[in-house]
Structures are given as structure tokens and as C-alpha cells.
Amino acid sequence: MGTFIIRRLGQMLLTALCLTFIVFFMTNLTPNLEKLAKTQGNFRMSDEAVNSWLSDRGYLAPLPYKFGQWVGVVP
């Protein structure tokens, strides 16, 4: 019975980690980030302004670093 519970807990943790990564990846796709920048800023922003807005707010940081922030491991 103990091994069953441990195995199920392991499966739950793995599933939660996979779902977290999938949701993180889907929300950090480039078209979504550009749409966010234009919604928060100005719809007529140039590409340079969009990139500047994204870099100022940390959206262009490396993917592992952003995932660490998403999970709450990295401050």
C-alpha cells in the first residue's frame, strides 16, 4: 500500500510539473507577448518599441530563468 501511494504521489508531481511547463510555454510564446505589449502600451507601437517594452519588463530573459520565476524558485 505504501509503494502505491508513493508511486501515485510521484505521478502527481510529474503531471503537475508537466502541466506547469505547458501553461508557461503557451503563455510565453512570442505572438502572445507581442499582443500583451501592444495591449498594455499602444496598439500602434513599432517593433522596436515592442521589443523595448518586453525587455524592460523582463519578458526577453532566458527561458529557464523565466520558468524559475514562474514557479517561484528564482526571485
Foldseek 3Di string as FASTA:
>chain_A
DVVVVVVVVVVVVVVVVVVLVVVVVVCLDPVNLLVVQCVVPNVPDDPVSSVVSCVVVPSPPDPVQVSCVSVPNHD
